[in-house]
Structure formats: structure tokens, C-alpha cells
N, C-alpha and C. Protein backbone atom coordinates (compact mmCIF):
# COMPACT_ATOMS: atom_id res chain seq x y z
N MET A 1 47.83 -6.04 -40.34
CA MET A 1 46.46 -6.08 -39.92
C MET A 1 45.64 -5.21 -40.89
N THR A 2 44.50 -5.74 -41.25
CA THR A 2 43.68 -5.00 -42.20
C THR A 2 42.80 -3.99 -41.50
N ALA A 3 42.23 -3.09 -42.23
CA ALA A 3 41.32 -2.08 -41.67
C ALA A 3 40.09 -2.72 -41.07
N TRP A 4 39.62 -3.82 -41.71
CA TRP A 4 38.43 -4.52 -41.22
C TRP A 4 38.68 -5.12 -39.85
N ALA A 5 39.81 -5.76 -39.63
CA ALA A 5 40.16 -6.32 -38.32
C ALA A 5 40.34 -5.23 -37.28
N TYR A 6 40.89 -4.07 -37.71
CA TYR A 6 41.08 -2.96 -36.81
C TYR A 6 39.71 -2.41 -36.36
N ALA A 7 38.74 -2.29 -37.26
CA ALA A 7 37.42 -1.78 -36.92
C ALA A 7 36.68 -2.72 -35.98
N ILE A 8 36.82 -4.03 -36.20
CA ILE A 8 36.17 -5.00 -35.31
C ILE A 8 36.80 -4.94 -33.91
N GLY A 9 38.13 -4.76 -33.87
CA GLY A 9 38.80 -4.66 -32.60
C GLY A 9 38.34 -3.42 -31.84
N LEU A 10 38.16 -2.29 -32.50
CA LEU A 10 37.71 -1.08 -31.81
C LEU A 10 36.27 -1.20 -31.39
N ALA A 11 35.41 -1.86 -32.18
CA ALA A 11 34.01 -2.03 -31.83
C ALA A 11 33.85 -2.94 -30.61
N CYS A 12 34.76 -3.85 -30.43
CA CYS A 12 34.67 -4.78 -29.29
C CYS A 12 35.31 -4.18 -28.04
N GLY A 13 35.89 -3.07 -28.10
CA GLY A 13 36.45 -2.40 -26.94
C GLY A 13 37.87 -2.73 -26.64
N ALA A 14 38.61 -3.29 -27.52
CA ALA A 14 40.00 -3.62 -27.27
C ALA A 14 40.85 -3.05 -28.38
N ALA A 15 42.10 -2.89 -28.12
CA ALA A 15 43.01 -2.41 -29.13
C ALA A 15 43.22 -3.52 -30.19
N ALA A 16 43.50 -3.08 -31.43
CA ALA A 16 43.66 -4.03 -32.51
C ALA A 16 45.03 -4.68 -32.51
N VAL A 17 45.86 -4.29 -31.58
CA VAL A 17 47.17 -4.89 -31.50
C VAL A 17 47.06 -6.22 -30.81
N PRO A 18 47.57 -7.33 -31.38
CA PRO A 18 47.38 -8.66 -30.78
C PRO A 18 47.94 -8.76 -29.37
N GLN A 19 49.04 -8.09 -29.02
CA GLN A 19 49.58 -8.18 -27.68
C GLN A 19 48.61 -7.52 -26.68
N ALA A 20 48.02 -6.41 -27.04
CA ALA A 20 47.10 -5.74 -26.12
C ALA A 20 45.82 -6.56 -25.94
N ALA A 21 45.34 -7.19 -27.02
CA ALA A 21 44.12 -8.00 -26.94
C ALA A 21 44.37 -9.22 -26.04
N ALA A 22 45.54 -9.82 -26.18
CA ALA A 22 45.87 -10.98 -25.33
C ALA A 22 46.01 -10.56 -23.87
N ALA A 23 46.48 -9.35 -23.64
CA ALA A 23 46.65 -8.85 -22.24
C ALA A 23 45.29 -8.61 -21.60
N HIS A 24 44.26 -8.29 -22.40
CA HIS A 24 42.94 -7.99 -21.87
C HIS A 24 42.04 -9.25 -21.84
N GLY A 25 42.53 -10.38 -22.17
CA GLY A 25 41.72 -11.60 -22.15
C GLY A 25 41.08 -11.89 -23.48
N GLY A 26 41.45 -11.21 -24.51
CA GLY A 26 40.88 -11.50 -25.82
C GLY A 26 41.48 -12.73 -26.38
N GLY A 27 40.79 -13.39 -27.27
CA GLY A 27 41.35 -14.62 -27.87
C GLY A 27 41.58 -14.45 -29.34
N GLY A 28 42.79 -14.80 -29.78
CA GLY A 28 43.12 -14.79 -31.20
C GLY A 28 43.11 -13.41 -31.82
N GLY A 29 43.31 -12.37 -31.04
CA GLY A 29 43.35 -11.04 -31.61
C GLY A 29 42.00 -10.48 -31.99
N MET A 30 40.93 -11.10 -31.50
CA MET A 30 39.59 -10.63 -31.89
C MET A 30 39.24 -9.34 -31.15
N GLY A 31 39.83 -9.09 -30.00
CA GLY A 31 39.57 -7.84 -29.28
C GLY A 31 38.39 -7.88 -28.38
N PHE A 32 37.98 -9.03 -27.85
CA PHE A 32 36.87 -9.11 -26.91
C PHE A 32 37.36 -8.64 -25.53
N SER A 33 36.58 -7.82 -24.87
CA SER A 33 36.92 -7.36 -23.54
C SER A 33 35.82 -7.83 -22.60
N PHE A 34 36.18 -8.64 -21.61
CA PHE A 34 35.18 -9.21 -20.72
C PHE A 34 34.85 -8.31 -19.56
N GLY A 35 35.49 -7.15 -19.47
CA GLY A 35 35.19 -6.20 -18.39
C GLY A 35 34.02 -5.31 -18.69
N ILE A 36 33.55 -5.30 -19.94
CA ILE A 36 32.43 -4.44 -20.34
C ILE A 36 31.14 -5.25 -20.35
N PRO A 37 30.09 -4.79 -19.69
CA PRO A 37 28.85 -5.55 -19.70
C PRO A 37 28.22 -5.55 -21.09
N PHE A 38 27.65 -6.70 -21.44
CA PHE A 38 27.04 -6.80 -22.76
C PHE A 38 25.62 -6.28 -22.80
N TYR A 39 24.92 -6.39 -21.67
CA TYR A 39 23.56 -5.94 -21.61
C TYR A 39 23.41 -4.84 -20.56
N VAL A 40 22.79 -3.76 -20.92
CA VAL A 40 22.53 -2.67 -19.98
C VAL A 40 21.02 -2.50 -19.94
N TYR A 41 20.44 -2.71 -18.76
CA TYR A 41 19.01 -2.60 -18.59
C TYR A 41 18.68 -1.25 -17.98
N PRO A 42 17.61 -0.61 -18.41
CA PRO A 42 17.24 0.64 -17.78
C PRO A 42 16.70 0.39 -16.37
N PRO A 43 16.76 1.38 -15.51
CA PRO A 43 16.23 1.21 -14.15
C PRO A 43 14.72 1.01 -14.19
N PRO A 44 14.15 0.32 -13.22
CA PRO A 44 12.70 0.14 -13.20
C PRO A 44 12.00 1.45 -12.97
N PRO A 45 10.77 1.56 -13.44
CA PRO A 45 10.02 2.81 -13.24
C PRO A 45 9.67 2.98 -11.75
N PRO A 46 9.52 4.21 -11.29
CA PRO A 46 9.17 4.40 -9.88
C PRO A 46 7.77 3.85 -9.59
N VAL A 47 7.59 3.34 -8.41
CA VAL A 47 6.31 2.80 -7.97
C VAL A 47 5.58 3.87 -7.21
N ILE A 48 4.42 4.24 -7.65
CA ILE A 48 3.62 5.26 -6.99
C ILE A 48 2.34 4.63 -6.48
N TYR A 49 2.13 4.67 -5.19
CA TYR A 49 0.95 4.08 -4.58
C TYR A 49 -0.10 5.21 -4.37
N ALA A 50 -1.29 4.95 -4.86
CA ALA A 50 -2.38 5.91 -4.66
C ALA A 50 -2.92 5.78 -3.23
N PRO A 51 -3.24 6.91 -2.57
CA PRO A 51 -3.78 6.80 -1.25
C PRO A 51 -5.20 6.24 -1.30
N PRO A 52 -5.64 5.64 -0.22
CA PRO A 52 -7.00 5.08 -0.24
C PRO A 52 -8.02 6.22 -0.31
N PRO A 53 -9.20 5.94 -0.82
CA PRO A 53 -10.21 7.00 -0.90
C PRO A 53 -10.62 7.44 0.54
N PRO A 54 -11.01 8.71 0.64
CA PRO A 54 -11.41 9.18 1.99
C PRO A 54 -12.69 8.50 2.46
N LEU A 55 -12.76 8.31 3.74
CA LEU A 55 -13.94 7.68 4.37
C LEU A 55 -14.95 8.79 4.69
N VAL A 56 -16.11 8.67 4.17
CA VAL A 56 -17.15 9.70 4.38
C VAL A 56 -18.34 9.12 5.11
N TYR A 57 -18.70 9.72 6.21
CA TYR A 57 -19.87 9.28 6.93
C TYR A 57 -21.03 10.21 6.60
N GLY A 58 -22.22 9.65 6.52
CA GLY A 58 -23.41 10.45 6.29
C GLY A 58 -23.82 11.18 7.56
N PRO A 59 -24.71 12.10 7.43
CA PRO A 59 -25.16 12.83 8.63
C PRO A 59 -25.83 11.87 9.63
N MET A 60 -25.53 12.10 10.88
CA MET A 60 -26.08 11.23 11.92
C MET A 60 -27.26 11.97 12.56
N GLY A 61 -28.43 11.45 12.36
CA GLY A 61 -29.63 12.08 12.94
C GLY A 61 -29.93 11.43 14.29
N PRO A 62 -31.02 11.87 14.89
CA PRO A 62 -31.38 11.24 16.15
C PRO A 62 -31.81 9.79 15.92
N VAL A 63 -31.45 8.98 16.84
CA VAL A 63 -31.73 7.54 16.77
C VAL A 63 -33.02 7.24 17.51
N GLN A 64 -33.91 6.56 16.89
CA GLN A 64 -35.17 6.13 17.54
C GLN A 64 -34.92 4.74 18.08
N ALA A 65 -34.75 4.63 19.40
CA ALA A 65 -34.46 3.34 20.00
C ALA A 65 -35.60 2.95 20.92
N VAL A 66 -35.82 1.67 21.05
CA VAL A 66 -36.84 1.11 21.94
C VAL A 66 -36.13 0.49 23.13
N PRO A 67 -36.52 0.87 24.37
CA PRO A 67 -35.89 0.21 25.54
C PRO A 67 -36.09 -1.27 25.50
N ALA A 68 -35.02 -1.99 25.76
CA ALA A 68 -35.08 -3.45 25.75
C ALA A 68 -34.92 -4.07 27.14
N SER A 69 -34.72 -3.22 28.14
CA SER A 69 -34.60 -3.73 29.52
C SER A 69 -35.06 -2.64 30.48
N PRO A 70 -35.36 -3.00 31.70
CA PRO A 70 -35.67 -1.95 32.68
C PRO A 70 -34.42 -1.19 33.04
N PRO A 71 -34.56 0.07 33.46
CA PRO A 71 -33.33 0.85 33.82
C PRO A 71 -32.62 0.25 35.04
N TYR A 72 -31.34 0.48 35.05
CA TYR A 72 -30.51 0.01 36.18
C TYR A 72 -29.36 0.97 36.35
N THR A 73 -28.66 0.85 37.47
CA THR A 73 -27.51 1.69 37.75
C THR A 73 -26.26 0.84 37.52
N ASP A 74 -25.34 1.36 36.68
CA ASP A 74 -24.11 0.58 36.37
C ASP A 74 -23.07 0.76 37.47
N SER A 75 -21.91 0.18 37.28
CA SER A 75 -20.85 0.21 38.30
C SER A 75 -20.29 1.63 38.53
N LEU A 76 -20.50 2.51 37.58
CA LEU A 76 -20.05 3.89 37.71
C LEU A 76 -21.11 4.81 38.29
N GLY A 77 -22.27 4.23 38.60
CA GLY A 77 -23.35 5.03 39.18
C GLY A 77 -24.23 5.71 38.13
N ARG A 78 -24.10 5.35 36.89
CA ARG A 78 -24.89 5.96 35.84
C ARG A 78 -26.24 5.23 35.69
N TYR A 79 -27.26 5.97 35.32
CA TYR A 79 -28.58 5.41 35.06
C TYR A 79 -28.57 4.90 33.61
N CYS A 80 -28.66 3.57 33.39
CA CYS A 80 -28.49 2.96 32.06
C CYS A 80 -29.64 2.02 31.77
N ARG A 81 -29.77 1.66 30.48
CA ARG A 81 -30.72 0.65 30.04
C ARG A 81 -30.25 0.12 28.69
N GLU A 82 -30.69 -1.10 28.40
CA GLU A 82 -30.41 -1.70 27.13
C GLU A 82 -31.40 -1.14 26.09
N TYR A 83 -31.01 -1.09 24.82
CA TYR A 83 -31.90 -0.60 23.80
C TYR A 83 -31.77 -1.46 22.55
N ARG A 84 -32.73 -1.36 21.68
CA ARG A 84 -32.68 -1.99 20.36
C ARG A 84 -33.24 -1.02 19.35
N SER A 85 -32.71 -1.09 18.15
CA SER A 85 -33.14 -0.22 17.04
C SER A 85 -32.73 -0.86 15.73
N THR A 86 -32.90 -0.12 14.68
CA THR A 86 -32.45 -0.60 13.35
C THR A 86 -31.54 0.47 12.75
N ALA A 87 -30.63 0.01 11.93
CA ALA A 87 -29.70 0.91 11.22
C ALA A 87 -29.59 0.40 9.80
N ILE A 88 -29.21 1.30 8.91
CA ILE A 88 -28.98 0.91 7.53
C ILE A 88 -27.47 0.67 7.36
N VAL A 89 -27.13 -0.59 7.07
CA VAL A 89 -25.74 -1.00 6.89
C VAL A 89 -25.60 -1.54 5.48
N GLU A 90 -24.74 -0.90 4.70
CA GLU A 90 -24.52 -1.28 3.28
C GLU A 90 -25.85 -1.35 2.52
N GLY A 91 -26.72 -0.41 2.78
CA GLY A 91 -27.98 -0.30 2.05
C GLY A 91 -29.09 -1.21 2.57
N ARG A 92 -28.81 -2.01 3.59
CA ARG A 92 -29.85 -2.89 4.13
C ARG A 92 -30.14 -2.55 5.58
N ARG A 93 -31.38 -2.66 5.97
CA ARG A 93 -31.79 -2.41 7.36
C ARG A 93 -31.33 -3.59 8.22
N GLN A 94 -30.59 -3.28 9.30
CA GLN A 94 -30.03 -4.29 10.19
C GLN A 94 -30.48 -3.95 11.64
N PRO A 95 -30.77 -4.96 12.45
CA PRO A 95 -31.07 -4.68 13.86
C PRO A 95 -29.76 -4.35 14.62
N ILE A 96 -29.87 -3.41 15.55
CA ILE A 96 -28.72 -3.06 16.42
C ILE A 96 -29.18 -3.16 17.86
N TYR A 97 -28.22 -3.46 18.74
CA TYR A 97 -28.51 -3.56 20.16
C TYR A 97 -27.37 -2.88 20.89
N GLY A 98 -27.65 -2.36 22.07
CA GLY A 98 -26.58 -1.73 22.83
C GLY A 98 -27.05 -1.30 24.21
N THR A 99 -26.19 -0.54 24.89
CA THR A 99 -26.47 0.03 26.18
C THR A 99 -26.34 1.53 26.10
N ALA A 100 -27.30 2.24 26.64
CA ALA A 100 -27.25 3.70 26.69
C ALA A 100 -27.36 4.14 28.14
N CYS A 101 -26.64 5.21 28.48
CA CYS A 101 -26.68 5.75 29.83
C CYS A 101 -27.10 7.21 29.77
N LEU A 102 -27.75 7.68 30.82
CA LEU A 102 -28.23 9.05 30.91
C LEU A 102 -27.07 9.96 31.24
N ALA A 103 -26.84 10.97 30.40
CA ALA A 103 -25.76 11.93 30.62
C ALA A 103 -26.22 13.02 31.56
N PRO A 104 -25.31 13.80 32.15
CA PRO A 104 -25.72 14.88 33.08
C PRO A 104 -26.58 15.94 32.40
N ASP A 105 -26.44 16.10 31.08
CA ASP A 105 -27.28 17.12 30.39
C ASP A 105 -28.67 16.62 30.04
N GLY A 106 -28.99 15.36 30.41
CA GLY A 106 -30.33 14.80 30.20
C GLY A 106 -30.49 14.02 28.92
N THR A 107 -29.43 13.84 28.15
CA THR A 107 -29.52 13.06 26.89
C THR A 107 -28.98 11.64 27.15
N TRP A 108 -29.47 10.72 26.37
CA TRP A 108 -28.97 9.33 26.48
C TRP A 108 -27.81 9.20 25.54
N ARG A 109 -26.73 8.59 26.01
CA ARG A 109 -25.51 8.34 25.24
C ARG A 109 -25.24 6.85 25.15
N ALA A 110 -24.99 6.35 23.94
CA ALA A 110 -24.64 4.94 23.74
C ALA A 110 -23.26 4.71 24.34
N VAL A 111 -23.12 3.67 25.18
CA VAL A 111 -21.82 3.35 25.78
C VAL A 111 -21.33 2.00 25.28
N ARG A 112 -22.17 1.20 24.68
CA ARG A 112 -21.76 -0.11 24.10
C ARG A 112 -22.59 -0.36 22.90
């Protein structure tokens, strides 16, 4: 066996001896070993998810509402009335409607 054949056999991962190469599945003394993977891929990079941006509300001032119905007493015995007003939603003025009830401290609280 020549030195060239011996070097090829070592590079392929098998012994250069023909009996050992045949025992490992090599053909014709070439020294191929099928137990060694030919391609090695690196692991994928880690996936990092960014958290969503924080939700920030602007300061809530007093709401100027116009009564939209006469006062009434609801099923819980609260003094309530419907109201209508406007609010700025996404930079545009939008009409809003709801129900407000009188709280024990004398302020009106939106309940719907």
C-alpha cells in the first residue's frame, strides 16, 4: 500500500488495511466509514422575543357630559341617568354614550 492510499484512508476515517475497511463497510479499500456524518450544521440561533411596548394612558380630566335622559332609579336603587359626550379617540373627536349613577360622595360615576 502506498503512502497516498494510506493518507486517503486516514482522511476518510477508516484504517488503510483492506480487511479493516471491508469490516467497516468500505468498498475496495477506499476507507469510507458510513457511521460518521458528512454534514455538521451549527445549532440555530436563540430566538429572543421583545416585549410589547408599555401602554400609556394620558391624564384623565373631568368629563363634560350632557344628560341624555331624565333621572331614574336602577335595580340596585341608585340614582342614574344616561349621558352623552365626546372623546378623542386616535386623534379624532368621537361621540360617546353611557350611563352614570350618583355615588354616595355626591359624584357621578360611569357604570356603562
